Amino acid sequence: MCNDYRLKVDIASIVEDFEDLKIRIKMPEGKPNVPARDDIRMTDMAPIVRSVEGARGMGELVNRRWSWPGNRGKPIYNFRTEGRELRSHCALILADGFYQFTDPPVPRPKDKRLDKWLFTMKDHDWFCIAGIWRESPAGEAFTMLTMNAGPDVSPYHHRQIIPLTHDQWGHWLDPTVPAKHVLGRLPQGSLPVIQVYGAPPAQAALL
């Protein structure tokens, strides 16, 4: 599953894109510090736009921890959508790419790193990943929602996170719109992928 993603877009561009979609963005904690990062990993702080209870067409841009502690202490960084009604505490996780890791087709005895693949969204500089947020012993935190993999991701993993196109962002923040009307797989060719290298052994243990 996805335990690493990328965001290299500046806050000004992010806010401008939300304004173009008529989604009002508040920053209740001030302008978040969002440095460009090739790798955002679980327990890192990262920007999300979270839903506002009782409000439509509005979100709050805040920095929050990716993953909350589970019952056995393991981080809950991905969350299955199947069998769950998701109508509140929705989050848009800002990204311009996400990674999957696979075993190399030819073993590299002196290199225990996995092959690393970067997925982006066709025709968009950046996008949002569907998530939820909640209070936890570690403070407010978010997790990425998952479903069975679509055609672009299935050659690399049987599950995937859920990237949302721009026209879906407002619906995900709107509690009156059922989740099943928003969450889905994108058509084949929507998520271009390139291969990168350098997944450390610690990442391999998380797959």
N, C-alpha and C. Protein backbone atom coordinates (compact mmCIF):
# COMPACT_ATOMS: atom_id res chain seq x y z
N MET A 1 0.83 -1.20 0.00
CA MET A 1 0.00 0.00 0.00
C MET A 1 0.87 1.25 0.00
N CYS A 2 0.24 2.38 -0.16
CA CYS A 2 0.99 3.63 -0.25
C CYS A 2 1.47 4.08 1.13
N ASN A 3 2.76 4.17 1.30
CA ASN A 3 3.33 4.69 2.54
C ASN A 3 4.36 5.79 2.27
N ASP A 4 4.24 6.41 1.09
CA ASP A 4 5.18 7.45 0.70
C ASP A 4 4.53 8.23 -0.45
N TYR A 5 4.54 9.56 -0.34
CA TYR A 5 4.03 10.35 -1.45
C TYR A 5 4.82 11.64 -1.56
N ARG A 6 4.49 12.45 -2.57
CA ARG A 6 5.31 13.62 -2.90
C ARG A 6 4.43 14.87 -2.99
N LEU A 7 5.00 16.01 -2.57
CA LEU A 7 4.33 17.30 -2.76
C LEU A 7 5.41 18.37 -2.94
N LYS A 8 5.42 18.98 -4.12
CA LYS A 8 6.41 20.01 -4.42
C LYS A 8 5.75 21.29 -4.94
N VAL A 9 4.47 21.47 -4.60
CA VAL A 9 3.69 22.61 -5.07
C VAL A 9 3.61 23.65 -3.96
N ASP A 10 3.71 24.93 -4.32
CA ASP A 10 3.68 25.97 -3.32
C ASP A 10 2.25 26.28 -2.89
N ILE A 11 2.12 26.84 -1.68
CA ILE A 11 0.82 27.13 -1.09
C ILE A 11 0.00 28.09 -1.96
N ALA A 12 0.64 29.08 -2.54
CA ALA A 12 -0.08 30.06 -3.36
C ALA A 12 -0.80 29.38 -4.52
N SER A 13 -0.13 28.44 -5.18
CA SER A 13 -0.76 27.72 -6.29
C SER A 13 -1.91 26.84 -5.80
N ILE A 14 -1.72 26.24 -4.63
CA ILE A 14 -2.76 25.39 -4.05
C ILE A 14 -4.02 26.21 -3.78
N VAL A 15 -3.85 27.33 -3.11
CA VAL A 15 -5.00 28.17 -2.76
C VAL A 15 -5.67 28.70 -4.02
N GLU A 16 -4.89 29.08 -5.00
CA GLU A 16 -5.46 29.61 -6.25
C GLU A 16 -6.32 28.57 -6.95
N ASP A 17 -5.87 27.33 -6.97
CA ASP A 17 -6.65 26.27 -7.63
C ASP A 17 -7.97 26.02 -6.90
N PHE A 18 -7.96 26.08 -5.57
CA PHE A 18 -9.21 25.93 -4.82
C PHE A 18 -10.14 27.09 -5.10
N GLU A 19 -9.61 28.29 -5.18
CA GLU A 19 -10.44 29.46 -5.48
C GLU A 19 -11.08 29.34 -6.86
N ASP A 20 -10.33 28.82 -7.83
CA ASP A 20 -10.87 28.65 -9.18
C ASP A 20 -12.06 27.68 -9.18
N LEU A 21 -12.07 26.76 -8.22
CA LEU A 21 -13.16 25.79 -8.11
C LEU A 21 -14.27 26.27 -7.19
N LYS A 22 -14.18 27.52 -6.74
CA LYS A 22 -15.18 28.12 -5.85
C LYS A 22 -15.25 27.39 -4.50
N ILE A 23 -14.12 26.84 -4.06
CA ILE A 23 -14.01 26.23 -2.74
C ILE A 23 -13.28 27.20 -1.83
N ARG A 24 -13.96 27.67 -0.81
CA ARG A 24 -13.36 28.64 0.10
C ARG A 24 -12.41 27.93 1.07
N ILE A 25 -11.22 28.47 1.20
CA ILE A 25 -10.20 27.87 2.06
C ILE A 25 -9.89 28.82 3.21
N LYS A 26 -10.01 28.33 4.42
CA LYS A 26 -9.60 29.07 5.59
C LYS A 26 -8.30 28.48 6.13
N MET A 27 -7.53 29.29 6.82
CA MET A 27 -6.30 28.83 7.46
C MET A 27 -6.37 29.20 8.94
N PRO A 28 -7.11 28.43 9.74
CA PRO A 28 -7.34 28.79 11.13
C PRO A 28 -6.08 28.83 11.99
N GLU A 29 -5.02 28.19 11.53
CA GLU A 29 -3.76 28.16 12.29
C GLU A 29 -2.66 28.95 11.59
N GLY A 30 -3.06 29.81 10.66
CA GLY A 30 -2.08 30.56 9.90
C GLY A 30 -1.65 29.79 8.66
N LYS A 31 -0.90 30.45 7.81
CA LYS A 31 -0.43 29.82 6.58
C LYS A 31 0.50 28.65 6.91
N PRO A 32 0.15 27.42 6.49
CA PRO A 32 1.00 26.27 6.81
C PRO A 32 2.37 26.37 6.14
N ASN A 33 3.37 25.86 6.83
CA ASN A 33 4.71 25.73 6.25
C ASN A 33 4.73 24.46 5.42
N VAL A 34 4.85 24.61 4.11
CA VAL A 34 4.79 23.45 3.22
C VAL A 34 6.04 23.42 2.34
N PRO A 35 7.15 22.93 2.86
CA PRO A 35 8.35 22.83 2.03
C PRO A 35 8.18 21.76 0.96
N ALA A 36 8.81 21.96 -0.18
CA ALA A 36 8.76 20.96 -1.25
C ALA A 36 9.45 19.68 -0.77
N ARG A 37 8.76 18.56 -0.93
CA ARG A 37 9.32 17.29 -0.46
C ARG A 37 9.09 16.19 -1.48
N ASP A 38 10.15 15.46 -1.77
CA ASP A 38 10.03 14.28 -2.63
C ASP A 38 9.41 13.11 -1.90
N ASP A 39 9.57 13.06 -0.59
CA ASP A 39 9.08 11.92 0.18
C ASP A 39 8.39 12.41 1.45
N ILE A 40 7.10 12.13 1.56
CA ILE A 40 6.34 12.34 2.80
C ILE A 40 5.94 10.95 3.29
N ARG A 41 6.35 10.63 4.50
CA ARG A 41 6.13 9.28 5.03
C ARG A 41 5.27 9.33 6.28
N MET A 42 4.74 8.18 6.63
CA MET A 42 3.85 8.09 7.79
C MET A 42 4.51 8.67 9.04
N THR A 43 3.72 9.35 9.82
CA THR A 43 4.05 10.12 11.04
C THR A 43 4.59 11.51 10.70
N ASP A 44 4.89 11.79 9.42
CA ASP A 44 5.30 13.15 9.04
C ASP A 44 4.10 14.09 9.14
N MET A 45 4.39 15.37 9.34
CA MET A 45 3.38 16.40 9.24
C MET A 45 3.25 16.84 7.79
N ALA A 46 2.01 17.00 7.32
CA ALA A 46 1.78 17.37 5.93
C ALA A 46 0.46 18.12 5.81
N PRO A 47 0.29 18.90 4.75
CA PRO A 47 -0.92 19.71 4.61
C PRO A 47 -2.12 18.92 4.11
N ILE A 48 -3.27 19.19 4.69
CA ILE A 48 -4.54 18.65 4.21
C ILE A 48 -5.56 19.78 4.20
N VAL A 49 -6.60 19.61 3.42
CA VAL A 49 -7.78 20.46 3.53
C VAL A 49 -8.87 19.60 4.15
N ARG A 50 -9.28 19.95 5.35
CA ARG A 50 -10.27 19.14 6.05
C ARG A 50 -11.65 19.79 5.95
N SER A 51 -12.67 18.94 6.00
CA SER A 51 -14.04 19.43 5.94
C SER A 51 -14.37 20.20 7.22
N VAL A 52 -15.34 21.10 7.08
CA VAL A 52 -15.80 21.90 8.21
C VAL A 52 -17.22 21.47 8.52
N GLU A 53 -17.46 21.04 9.74
CA GLU A 53 -18.77 20.52 10.12
C GLU A 53 -19.85 21.56 9.88
N GLY A 54 -20.90 21.14 9.17
CA GLY A 54 -22.02 22.01 8.90
C GLY A 54 -21.82 22.99 7.78
N ALA A 55 -20.69 22.91 7.08
CA ALA A 55 -20.39 23.87 6.01
C ALA A 55 -20.22 23.14 4.68
N ARG A 56 -20.68 23.78 3.61
CA ARG A 56 -20.51 23.26 2.26
C ARG A 56 -19.66 24.25 1.47
N GLY A 57 -18.87 23.73 0.54
CA GLY A 57 -18.05 24.60 -0.29
C GLY A 57 -16.95 25.29 0.47
N MET A 58 -16.49 24.65 1.56
CA MET A 58 -15.47 25.27 2.41
C MET A 58 -14.57 24.19 2.98
N GLY A 59 -13.31 24.56 3.21
CA GLY A 59 -12.38 23.66 3.86
C GLY A 59 -11.35 24.44 4.65
N GLU A 60 -10.66 23.76 5.52
CA GLU A 60 -9.60 24.37 6.33
C GLU A 60 -8.27 23.74 5.97
N LEU A 61 -7.32 24.59 5.61
CA LEU A 61 -5.97 24.13 5.26
C LEU A 61 -5.11 24.12 6.51
N VAL A 62 -4.69 22.93 6.92
CA VAL A 62 -3.91 22.77 8.14
C VAL A 62 -2.82 21.73 7.91
N ASN A 63 -1.80 21.75 8.75
CA ASN A 63 -0.78 20.71 8.77
C ASN A 63 -1.16 19.67 9.82
N ARG A 64 -1.13 18.40 9.45
CA ARG A 64 -1.46 17.34 10.38
C ARG A 64 -0.55 16.14 10.17
N ARG A 65 -0.51 15.28 11.17
CA ARG A 65 0.30 14.07 11.12
C ARG A 65 -0.36 13.03 10.21
N TRP A 66 0.48 12.39 9.39
CA TRP A 66 -0.02 11.29 8.56
C TRP A 66 0.06 10.01 9.39
N SER A 67 -1.09 9.47 9.73
CA SER A 67 -1.30 8.22 10.47
C SER A 67 -1.53 8.48 11.94
N TRP A 68 -2.41 7.70 12.51
CA TRP A 68 -2.60 7.70 13.97
C TRP A 68 -2.28 6.31 14.50
N PRO A 69 -1.94 6.20 15.78
CA PRO A 69 -1.55 4.90 16.34
C PRO A 69 -2.75 3.95 16.39
N GLY A 70 -2.56 2.73 15.92
CA GLY A 70 -3.59 1.71 16.01
C GLY A 70 -3.59 1.03 17.36
N ASN A 71 -4.48 0.03 17.51
CA ASN A 71 -4.62 -0.65 18.79
C ASN A 71 -3.34 -1.32 19.24
N ARG A 72 -2.53 -1.79 18.32
CA ARG A 72 -1.28 -2.47 18.65
C ARG A 72 -0.07 -1.56 18.42
N GLY A 73 -0.32 -0.29 18.28
CA GLY A 73 0.78 0.66 18.13
C GLY A 73 1.22 0.90 16.71
N LYS A 74 0.73 0.09 15.75
CA LYS A 74 1.14 0.27 14.37
C LYS A 74 0.39 1.47 13.77
N PRO A 75 1.06 2.25 12.94
CA PRO A 75 0.41 3.45 12.39
C PRO A 75 -0.69 3.09 11.40
N ILE A 76 -1.84 3.75 11.53
CA ILE A 76 -2.93 3.58 10.58
C ILE A 76 -2.76 4.64 9.50
N TYR A 77 -2.06 4.30 8.46
CA TYR A 77 -1.75 5.24 7.39
C TYR A 77 -2.64 5.03 6.17
N ASN A 78 -3.25 3.85 6.05
CA ASN A 78 -4.22 3.54 5.01
C ASN A 78 -5.48 2.99 5.69
N PHE A 79 -6.65 3.22 5.08
CA PHE A 79 -7.93 2.87 5.70
C PHE A 79 -8.87 2.36 4.61
N ARG A 80 -9.33 1.12 4.74
CA ARG A 80 -10.18 0.51 3.73
C ARG A 80 -11.54 1.20 3.67
N THR A 81 -12.05 1.38 2.46
CA THR A 81 -13.37 2.00 2.30
C THR A 81 -14.50 0.97 2.34
N GLU A 82 -14.21 -0.26 2.01
CA GLU A 82 -15.26 -1.26 1.89
C GLU A 82 -16.01 -1.45 3.21
N GLY A 83 -17.33 -1.42 3.14
CA GLY A 83 -18.16 -1.68 4.31
C GLY A 83 -18.23 -0.53 5.29
N ARG A 84 -17.79 0.66 4.91
CA ARG A 84 -17.79 1.80 5.83
C ARG A 84 -18.59 2.94 5.23
N GLU A 85 -19.34 3.62 6.09
CA GLU A 85 -20.06 4.81 5.69
C GLU A 85 -19.23 6.02 6.07
N LEU A 86 -18.81 6.77 5.09
CA LEU A 86 -17.88 7.88 5.31
C LEU A 86 -18.61 9.18 4.98
N ARG A 87 -19.07 9.89 6.01
CA ARG A 87 -19.87 11.09 5.79
C ARG A 87 -19.35 12.30 6.55
N SER A 88 -18.32 12.11 7.35
CA SER A 88 -17.79 13.24 8.13
C SER A 88 -16.28 13.11 8.26
N HIS A 89 -15.65 14.18 8.76
CA HIS A 89 -14.20 14.21 8.96
C HIS A 89 -13.44 13.84 7.69
N CYS A 90 -13.94 14.34 6.56
CA CYS A 90 -13.28 14.07 5.29
C CYS A 90 -12.07 15.00 5.12
N ALA A 91 -11.09 14.53 4.38
CA ALA A 91 -9.87 15.31 4.16
C ALA A 91 -9.40 15.14 2.72
N LEU A 92 -8.90 16.23 2.17
CA LEU A 92 -8.21 16.21 0.89
C LEU A 92 -6.72 16.29 1.19
N ILE A 93 -5.99 15.26 0.83
CA ILE A 93 -4.55 15.19 1.08
C ILE A 93 -3.82 15.70 -0.16
N LEU A 94 -3.07 16.76 -0.01
CA LEU A 94 -2.44 17.43 -1.14
C LEU A 94 -1.20 16.67 -1.60
N ALA A 95 -1.12 16.41 -2.90
CA ALA A 95 -0.01 15.62 -3.43
C ALA A 95 0.21 15.97 -4.90
N ASP A 96 1.41 15.70 -5.38
CA ASP A 96 1.61 15.73 -6.83
C ASP A 96 2.15 14.39 -7.33
N GLY A 97 2.22 13.42 -6.45
CA GLY A 97 2.61 12.08 -6.83
C GLY A 97 2.56 11.15 -5.63
N PHE A 98 2.44 9.86 -5.90
CA PHE A 98 2.52 8.86 -4.83
C PHE A 98 3.31 7.67 -5.34
N TYR A 99 3.84 6.90 -4.39
CA TYR A 99 4.76 5.82 -4.75
C TYR A 99 4.18 4.44 -4.42
N GLN A 100 4.61 3.47 -5.21
CA GLN A 100 4.43 2.05 -4.89
C GLN A 100 5.80 1.38 -5.02
N PHE A 101 5.96 0.30 -4.28
CA PHE A 101 7.23 -0.42 -4.25
C PHE A 101 7.00 -1.87 -4.66
N THR A 102 7.92 -2.40 -5.45
CA THR A 102 7.81 -3.80 -5.89
C THR A 102 9.18 -4.47 -5.77
N ASP A 103 9.14 -5.79 -5.68
CA ASP A 103 10.40 -6.55 -5.72
C ASP A 103 11.03 -6.40 -7.10
N PRO A 104 12.33 -6.28 -7.17
CA PRO A 104 12.97 -6.20 -8.50
C PRO A 104 12.79 -7.50 -9.26
N PRO A 105 12.54 -7.44 -10.56
CA PRO A 105 12.36 -8.67 -11.34
C PRO A 105 13.60 -9.55 -11.34
N VAL A 106 14.75 -8.90 -11.24
CA VAL A 106 16.02 -9.63 -11.14
C VAL A 106 16.63 -9.28 -9.78
N PRO A 107 16.83 -10.28 -8.90
CA PRO A 107 17.37 -9.99 -7.56
C PRO A 107 18.70 -9.25 -7.64
N ARG A 108 18.86 -8.33 -6.70
CA ARG A 108 20.11 -7.58 -6.60
C ARG A 108 20.74 -7.95 -5.25
N PRO A 109 21.59 -8.96 -5.22
CA PRO A 109 22.11 -9.48 -3.94
C PRO A 109 22.76 -8.42 -3.06
N LYS A 110 23.40 -7.44 -3.66
CA LYS A 110 24.10 -6.42 -2.87
C LYS A 110 23.23 -5.18 -2.65
N ASP A 111 22.02 -5.21 -3.14
CA ASP A 111 21.12 -4.05 -3.01
C ASP A 111 19.75 -4.56 -2.58
N LYS A 112 19.41 -4.37 -1.32
CA LYS A 112 18.16 -4.87 -0.76
C LYS A 112 16.99 -3.91 -0.97
N ARG A 113 17.22 -2.81 -1.68
CA ARG A 113 16.15 -1.85 -1.90
C ARG A 113 15.14 -2.39 -2.91
N LEU A 114 13.89 -1.96 -2.74
CA LEU A 114 12.86 -2.32 -3.69
C LEU A 114 12.87 -1.37 -4.87
N ASP A 115 12.25 -1.79 -5.97
CA ASP A 115 12.01 -0.87 -7.07
C ASP A 115 10.93 0.12 -6.62
N LYS A 116 11.08 1.35 -6.99
CA LYS A 116 10.19 2.42 -6.54
C LYS A 116 9.55 3.08 -7.77
N TRP A 117 8.21 3.20 -7.73
CA TRP A 117 7.45 3.70 -8.87
C TRP A 117 6.68 4.94 -8.46
N LEU A 118 6.76 5.99 -9.26
CA LEU A 118 6.07 7.24 -8.99
C LEU A 118 4.87 7.39 -9.92
N PHE A 119 3.69 7.55 -9.31
CA PHE A 119 2.46 7.80 -10.05
C PHE A 119 2.10 9.29 -9.95
N THR A 120 1.75 9.89 -11.06
CA THR A 120 1.26 11.26 -11.08
C THR A 120 -0.12 11.24 -11.73
N MET A 121 -0.76 12.42 -11.87
CA MET A 121 -2.07 12.48 -12.51
C MET A 121 -1.96 13.19 -13.85
N LYS A 122 -2.46 12.54 -14.88
CA LYS A 122 -2.39 13.08 -16.24
C LYS A 122 -3.07 14.44 -16.32
N ASP A 123 -2.40 15.38 -16.94
CA ASP A 123 -2.92 16.72 -17.23
C ASP A 123 -3.09 17.60 -15.99
N HIS A 124 -2.54 17.20 -14.85
CA HIS A 124 -2.65 18.01 -13.64
C HIS A 124 -1.28 18.09 -12.96
N ASP A 125 -0.90 19.30 -12.56
CA ASP A 125 0.37 19.48 -11.85
C ASP A 125 0.32 18.86 -10.46
N TRP A 126 -0.88 18.86 -9.86
CA TRP A 126 -1.04 18.26 -8.54
C TRP A 126 -2.50 17.85 -8.39
N PHE A 127 -2.79 17.11 -7.34
CA PHE A 127 -4.13 16.57 -7.14
C PHE A 127 -4.35 16.35 -5.65
N CYS A 128 -5.49 15.81 -5.31
CA CYS A 128 -5.79 15.47 -3.91
C CYS A 128 -6.07 13.98 -3.79
N ILE A 129 -5.71 13.42 -2.66
CA ILE A 129 -5.99 12.03 -2.33
C ILE A 129 -7.10 12.03 -1.28
N ALA A 130 -8.09 11.16 -1.44
CA ALA A 130 -9.20 11.09 -0.50
C ALA A 130 -8.71 10.53 0.84
N GLY A 131 -9.06 11.23 1.91
CA GLY A 131 -8.67 10.77 3.24
C GLY A 131 -9.71 11.15 4.27
N ILE A 132 -9.46 10.75 5.49
CA ILE A 132 -10.24 11.17 6.63
C ILE A 132 -9.29 11.60 7.73
N TRP A 133 -9.80 12.38 8.68
CA TRP A 133 -8.98 12.80 9.81
C TRP A 133 -9.74 12.53 11.10
N ARG A 134 -9.00 12.43 12.18
CA ARG A 134 -9.63 12.20 13.48
C ARG A 134 -8.70 12.61 14.61
N GLU A 135 -9.28 12.74 15.78
CA GLU A 135 -8.49 12.92 16.99
C GLU A 135 -7.86 11.59 17.37
N SER A 136 -6.66 11.64 17.92
CA SER A 136 -5.98 10.42 18.34
C SER A 136 -5.06 10.75 19.51
N PRO A 137 -4.51 9.73 20.17
CA PRO A 137 -3.54 9.99 21.24
C PRO A 137 -2.34 10.81 20.78
N ALA A 138 -2.08 10.79 19.46
CA ALA A 138 -0.96 11.56 18.91
C ALA A 138 -1.40 12.94 18.43
N GLY A 139 -2.66 13.31 18.72
CA GLY A 139 -3.21 14.56 18.21
C GLY A 139 -4.00 14.30 16.94
N GLU A 140 -4.52 15.37 16.33
CA GLU A 140 -5.25 15.19 15.09
C GLU A 140 -4.33 14.59 14.03
N ALA A 141 -4.88 13.62 13.28
CA ALA A 141 -4.08 12.94 12.27
C ALA A 141 -4.99 12.54 11.11
N PHE A 142 -4.38 12.23 9.99
CA PHE A 142 -5.15 11.81 8.82
C PHE A 142 -4.64 10.49 8.28
N THR A 143 -5.48 9.84 7.49
CA THR A 143 -5.10 8.61 6.83
C THR A 143 -5.66 8.63 5.41
N MET A 144 -5.07 7.83 4.53
CA MET A 144 -5.52 7.74 3.15
C MET A 144 -6.52 6.60 2.99
N LEU A 145 -7.58 6.84 2.24
CA LEU A 145 -8.56 5.81 1.96
C LEU A 145 -8.07 4.92 0.82
N THR A 146 -8.47 3.65 0.87
CA THR A 146 -8.01 2.69 -0.14
C THR A 146 -9.17 1.87 -0.68
N MET A 147 -8.94 1.30 -1.86
CA MET A 147 -9.90 0.39 -2.49
C MET A 147 -9.11 -0.57 -3.39
N ASN A 148 -9.81 -1.54 -3.98
CA ASN A 148 -9.13 -2.44 -4.91
C ASN A 148 -8.53 -1.64 -6.05
N ALA A 149 -7.38 -2.04 -6.50
CA ALA A 149 -6.62 -1.26 -7.48
C ALA A 149 -7.33 -1.20 -8.83
N GLY A 150 -7.22 -0.04 -9.47
CA GLY A 150 -7.70 0.15 -10.82
C GLY A 150 -6.64 -0.26 -11.84
N PRO A 151 -6.90 -0.04 -13.11
CA PRO A 151 -6.02 -0.57 -14.16
C PRO A 151 -4.61 -0.03 -14.14
N ASP A 152 -4.39 1.22 -13.70
CA ASP A 152 -3.04 1.77 -13.71
C ASP A 152 -2.18 1.23 -12.58
N VAL A 153 -2.79 0.95 -11.43
CA VAL A 153 -2.03 0.55 -10.24
C VAL A 153 -1.95 -0.97 -10.10
N SER A 154 -2.93 -1.70 -10.61
CA SER A 154 -3.00 -3.14 -10.36
C SER A 154 -1.75 -3.93 -10.78
N PRO A 155 -0.98 -3.50 -11.81
CA PRO A 155 0.26 -4.25 -12.09
C PRO A 155 1.30 -4.15 -10.99
N TYR A 156 1.10 -3.20 -10.05
CA TYR A 156 2.10 -2.94 -9.01
C TYR A 156 1.60 -3.33 -7.62
N HIS A 157 0.28 -3.31 -7.40
CA HIS A 157 -0.29 -3.68 -6.10
C HIS A 157 -1.78 -3.95 -6.28
N HIS A 158 -2.33 -4.83 -5.44
CA HIS A 158 -3.75 -5.17 -5.58
C HIS A 158 -4.67 -4.16 -4.91
N ARG A 159 -4.11 -3.24 -4.13
CA ARG A 159 -4.88 -2.16 -3.50
C ARG A 159 -4.29 -0.82 -3.93
N GLN A 160 -5.10 0.24 -3.79
CA GLN A 160 -4.58 1.56 -4.12
C GLN A 160 -5.28 2.62 -3.28
N ILE A 161 -4.60 3.77 -3.15
CA ILE A 161 -5.25 4.94 -2.59
C ILE A 161 -6.18 5.53 -3.66
N ILE A 162 -6.90 6.61 -3.32
CA ILE A 162 -7.94 7.11 -4.21
C ILE A 162 -7.65 8.57 -4.59
N PRO A 163 -6.95 8.78 -5.70
CA PRO A 163 -6.74 10.15 -6.18
C PRO A 163 -8.06 10.74 -6.68
N LEU A 164 -8.29 12.01 -6.40
CA LEU A 164 -9.51 12.68 -6.82
C LEU A 164 -9.19 13.74 -7.87
N THR A 165 -10.01 13.79 -8.92
CA THR A 165 -9.87 14.84 -9.91
C THR A 165 -10.39 16.15 -9.34
N HIS A 166 -10.04 17.26 -9.96
CA HIS A 166 -10.38 18.57 -9.42
C HIS A 166 -11.88 18.74 -9.19
N ASP A 167 -12.71 18.19 -10.09
CA ASP A 167 -14.15 18.39 -9.95
C ASP A 167 -14.75 17.55 -8.82
N GLN A 168 -13.96 16.67 -8.21
CA GLN A 168 -14.44 15.86 -7.09
C GLN A 168 -14.12 16.47 -5.73
N TRP A 169 -13.24 17.44 -5.68
CA TRP A 169 -12.79 17.96 -4.38
C TRP A 169 -13.95 18.53 -3.57
N GLY A 170 -14.74 19.38 -4.19
CA GLY A 170 -15.84 19.99 -3.46
C GLY A 170 -16.85 18.96 -2.98
N HIS A 171 -17.10 17.92 -3.77
CA HIS A 171 -18.04 16.88 -3.36
C HIS A 171 -17.52 16.11 -2.15
N TRP A 172 -16.20 15.88 -2.09
CA TRP A 172 -15.66 15.12 -0.96
C TRP A 172 -15.76 15.92 0.34
N LEU A 173 -15.70 17.24 0.25
CA LEU A 173 -15.83 18.07 1.43
C LEU A 173 -17.29 18.31 1.83
N ASP A 174 -18.23 17.91 0.99
CA ASP A 174 -19.66 18.15 1.21
C ASP A 174 -20.30 16.93 1.88
N PRO A 175 -20.73 17.03 3.13
CA PRO A 175 -21.29 15.87 3.84
C PRO A 175 -22.62 15.39 3.27
N THR A 176 -23.25 16.19 2.41
CA THR A 176 -24.53 15.76 1.83
C THR A 176 -24.33 14.86 0.61
N VAL A 177 -23.10 14.75 0.11
CA VAL A 177 -22.82 13.91 -1.05
C VAL A 177 -22.33 12.54 -0.56
N PRO A 178 -23.04 11.46 -0.86
CA PRO A 178 -22.60 10.12 -0.42
C PRO A 178 -21.20 9.80 -0.95
N ALA A 179 -20.42 9.14 -0.10
CA ALA A 179 -19.04 8.80 -0.49
C ALA A 179 -19.00 7.95 -1.74
N LYS A 180 -19.98 7.06 -1.90
CA LYS A 180 -19.96 6.17 -3.07
C LYS A 180 -20.10 6.93 -4.37
N HIS A 181 -20.61 8.17 -4.31
CA HIS A 181 -20.73 8.98 -5.51
C HIS A 181 -19.43 9.71 -5.84
N VAL A 182 -18.46 9.65 -4.94
CA VAL A 182 -17.20 10.37 -5.13
C VAL A 182 -16.03 9.41 -5.32
N LEU A 183 -15.97 8.38 -4.50
CA LEU A 183 -14.82 7.49 -4.48
C LEU A 183 -14.92 6.45 -5.59
N GLY A 184 -13.89 6.36 -6.40
CA GLY A 184 -13.89 5.39 -7.47
C GLY A 184 -12.54 5.33 -8.15
N ARG A 185 -12.41 4.39 -9.07
CA ARG A 185 -11.17 4.23 -9.81
C ARG A 185 -11.18 5.13 -11.05
N LEU A 186 -10.05 5.66 -11.38
CA LEU A 186 -9.94 6.51 -12.56
C LEU A 186 -9.76 5.65 -13.81
N PRO A 187 -10.13 6.16 -14.97
CA PRO A 187 -9.95 5.40 -16.21
C PRO A 187 -8.48 5.07 -16.47
N GLN A 188 -8.27 4.00 -17.19
CA GLN A 188 -6.90 3.61 -17.54
C GLN A 188 -6.18 4.75 -18.25
N GLY A 189 -4.94 4.97 -17.86
CA GLY A 189 -4.14 6.03 -18.45
C GLY A 189 -4.19 7.33 -17.68
N SER A 190 -4.99 7.38 -16.59
CA SER A 190 -5.11 8.61 -15.80
C SER A 190 -3.92 8.84 -14.89
N LEU A 191 -3.21 7.75 -14.53
CA LEU A 191 -2.12 7.84 -13.56
C LEU A 191 -0.82 7.36 -14.21
N PRO A 192 -0.14 8.24 -14.95
CA PRO A 192 1.15 7.85 -15.54
C PRO A 192 2.14 7.43 -14.46
N VAL A 193 3.01 6.49 -14.80
CA VAL A 193 3.97 5.98 -13.83
C VAL A 193 5.36 5.95 -14.44
N ILE A 194 6.35 6.31 -13.63
CA ILE A 194 7.75 6.17 -14.01
C ILE A 194 8.48 5.43 -12.89
N GLN A 195 9.56 4.80 -13.24
CA GLN A 195 10.33 4.06 -12.23
C GLN A 195 11.43 4.93 -11.66
N VAL A 196 11.52 4.93 -10.34
CA VAL A 196 12.63 5.57 -9.64
C VAL A 196 13.22 4.53 -8.70
N TYR A 197 14.39 4.81 -8.17
CA TYR A 197 15.06 3.82 -7.33
C TYR A 197 15.40 4.43 -5.98
N GLY A 198 15.70 3.56 -5.00
CA GLY A 198 16.18 4.04 -3.73
C GLY A 198 15.30 3.75 -2.55
N ALA A 199 14.37 2.79 -2.66
CA ALA A 199 13.55 2.43 -1.52
C ALA A 199 14.41 1.71 -0.50
N PRO A 200 14.58 2.28 0.70
CA PRO A 200 15.43 1.64 1.71
C PRO A 200 14.78 0.40 2.29
N PRO A 201 15.57 -0.50 2.92
CA PRO A 201 15.02 -1.73 3.50
C PRO A 201 13.88 -1.47 4.48
N ALA A 202 13.90 -0.36 5.19
CA ALA A 202 12.83 -0.06 6.15
C ALA A 202 11.49 0.07 5.46
N GLN A 203 11.49 0.58 4.22
CA GLN A 203 10.24 0.69 3.47
C GLN A 203 9.74 -0.70 3.11
N ALA A 204 10.65 -1.58 2.74
CA ALA A 204 10.25 -2.91 2.31
C ALA A 204 9.46 -3.63 3.40
N ALA A 205 9.82 -3.42 4.65
CA ALA A 205 9.15 -4.12 5.75
C ALA A 205 7.71 -3.65 5.92
N LEU A 206 7.34 -2.51 5.33
CA LEU A 206 6.01 -1.94 5.52
C LEU A 206 5.03 -2.37 4.43
N LEU A 207 5.50 -3.04 3.39
CA LEU A 207 4.62 -3.40 2.28
C LEU A 207 3.88 -4.69 2.56
